[in-house]
Amino acid sequence: FFRDSHGNEIDLLLDSMRTLVGVEIKSSSTYHSTFKKNLLRFRENTHSLERAAIVYNGDPQTFSDGIEALPVTRAHELFDGTAPS
């Protein structure tokens, strides 16, 4: 969990071997563009992310800004180093 001095939050930051992965966790099964807001803000204002992902109940998606949307059934990929598909 990360919160900056302005109250902007990221649900999970994984720090491993000098790589930083930002994760937003949503309960929705429908993707919405606002899900990326805090990941983008963190990347622009605080620190670059090696990988940024939204874990939710929907279908996998990859966006042009490099953020991924992963179904909860594939969340393990963020921990075991599985490459994005």
Protein backbone atom coordinates (compact mmCIF):
# COMPACT_ATOMS: atom_id res chain seq x y z
CA PHE A 1 0.00 0.00 0.00
CA PHE A 2 1.25 3.48 -0.83
CA ARG A 3 -0.25 6.90 -0.15
CA ASP A 4 1.46 10.19 -0.99
CA SER A 5 1.10 13.47 0.90
CA HIS A 6 -1.83 14.44 -1.33
CA GLY A 7 -3.82 11.30 -0.52
CA ASN A 8 -3.20 9.54 -3.85
CA GLU A 9 -3.07 5.78 -3.29
CA ILE A 10 -1.83 2.61 -4.94
CA ASP A 11 -3.20 -0.60 -3.50
CA LEU A 12 0.00 -2.61 -3.77
CA LEU A 13 3.65 -1.88 -4.56
CA LEU A 14 5.89 -4.87 -5.16
CA ASP A 15 9.59 -4.13 -4.76
CA SER A 16 11.87 -6.89 -5.96
CA MET A 17 15.44 -6.75 -7.18
CA ARG A 18 15.31 -3.04 -8.05
CA THR A 19 12.07 -3.36 -9.97
CA LEU A 20 8.87 -1.75 -8.80
CA VAL A 21 5.44 -3.05 -9.76
CA GLY A 22 2.30 -1.03 -9.04
CA VAL A 23 -1.03 -2.83 -8.66
CA GLU A 24 -4.56 -1.49 -8.33
CA ILE A 25 -7.14 -4.01 -7.12
CA LYS A 26 -10.76 -3.60 -8.17
CA SER A 27 -13.82 -5.74 -7.48
CA SER A 28 -15.50 -4.83 -10.76
CA SER A 29 -15.83 -7.23 -13.69
CA THR A 30 -16.11 -4.29 -16.10
CA TYR A 31 -12.99 -2.26 -16.84
CA HIS A 32 -13.22 1.50 -16.49
CA SER A 33 -10.52 3.97 -17.57
CA THR A 34 -10.43 5.59 -14.11
CA PHE A 35 -8.86 2.38 -12.75
CA LYS A 36 -5.51 3.56 -14.17
CA LYS A 37 -5.60 7.05 -12.65
CA ASN A 38 -3.44 6.45 -9.58
CA LEU A 39 -0.95 4.23 -11.41
CA LEU A 40 -0.42 6.92 -14.02
CA ARG A 41 -0.11 9.64 -11.38
CA PHE A 42 2.45 7.63 -9.41
CA ARG A 43 4.47 6.91 -12.55
CA GLU A 44 4.49 10.58 -13.58
CA ASN A 45 5.06 12.23 -10.21
CA THR A 46 6.76 9.77 -7.88
CA HIS A 47 8.66 6.88 -9.41
CA SER A 48 8.80 4.91 -12.63
CA LEU A 49 7.23 1.45 -12.55
CA GLU A 50 8.72 -1.60 -14.22
CA ARG A 51 5.21 -2.95 -14.52
CA ALA A 52 1.76 -1.54 -13.72
CA ALA A 53 -1.37 -3.63 -13.47
CA ILE A 54 -5.00 -3.58 -12.52
CA VAL A 55 -6.32 -6.79 -11.01
CA TYR A 56 -10.05 -7.16 -11.46
CA ASN A 57 -12.77 -9.70 -12.32
CA GLY A 58 -12.80 -8.99 -16.07
CA ASP A 59 -10.95 -10.03 -19.20
CA PRO A 60 -7.21 -9.45 -19.69
CA GLN A 61 -6.24 -6.27 -21.53
CA THR A 62 -3.03 -4.43 -22.34
CA PHE A 63 -3.08 -0.71 -23.03
CA SER A 64 -0.78 1.50 -25.12
CA ASP A 65 0.56 3.16 -21.95
CA GLY A 66 1.89 -0.23 -20.79
CA ILE A 67 -0.65 -0.80 -18.05
CA GLU A 68 -2.21 -4.26 -17.97
CA ALA A 69 -5.59 -5.34 -16.72
CA LEU A 70 -5.43 -8.90 -15.39
CA PRO A 71 -8.25 -11.10 -14.19
CA VAL A 72 -7.85 -12.11 -10.56
CA THR A 73 -7.20 -15.67 -11.72
CA ARG A 74 -3.94 -14.45 -13.30
CA ALA A 75 -2.78 -12.18 -10.47
CA HIS A 76 -0.10 -14.72 -9.57
CA GLU A 77 1.79 -13.57 -12.69
CA LEU A 78 2.68 -10.37 -10.85
CA PHE A 79 4.41 -12.38 -8.14
CA ASP A 80 6.01 -15.23 -10.06
CA GLY A 81 7.52 -13.12 -12.84
CA THR A 82 5.40 -14.54 -15.64
CA ALA A 83 5.71 -12.25 -18.65
CA PRO A 84 2.60 -10.37 -19.77
CA SER A 85 0.75 -11.96 -22.67
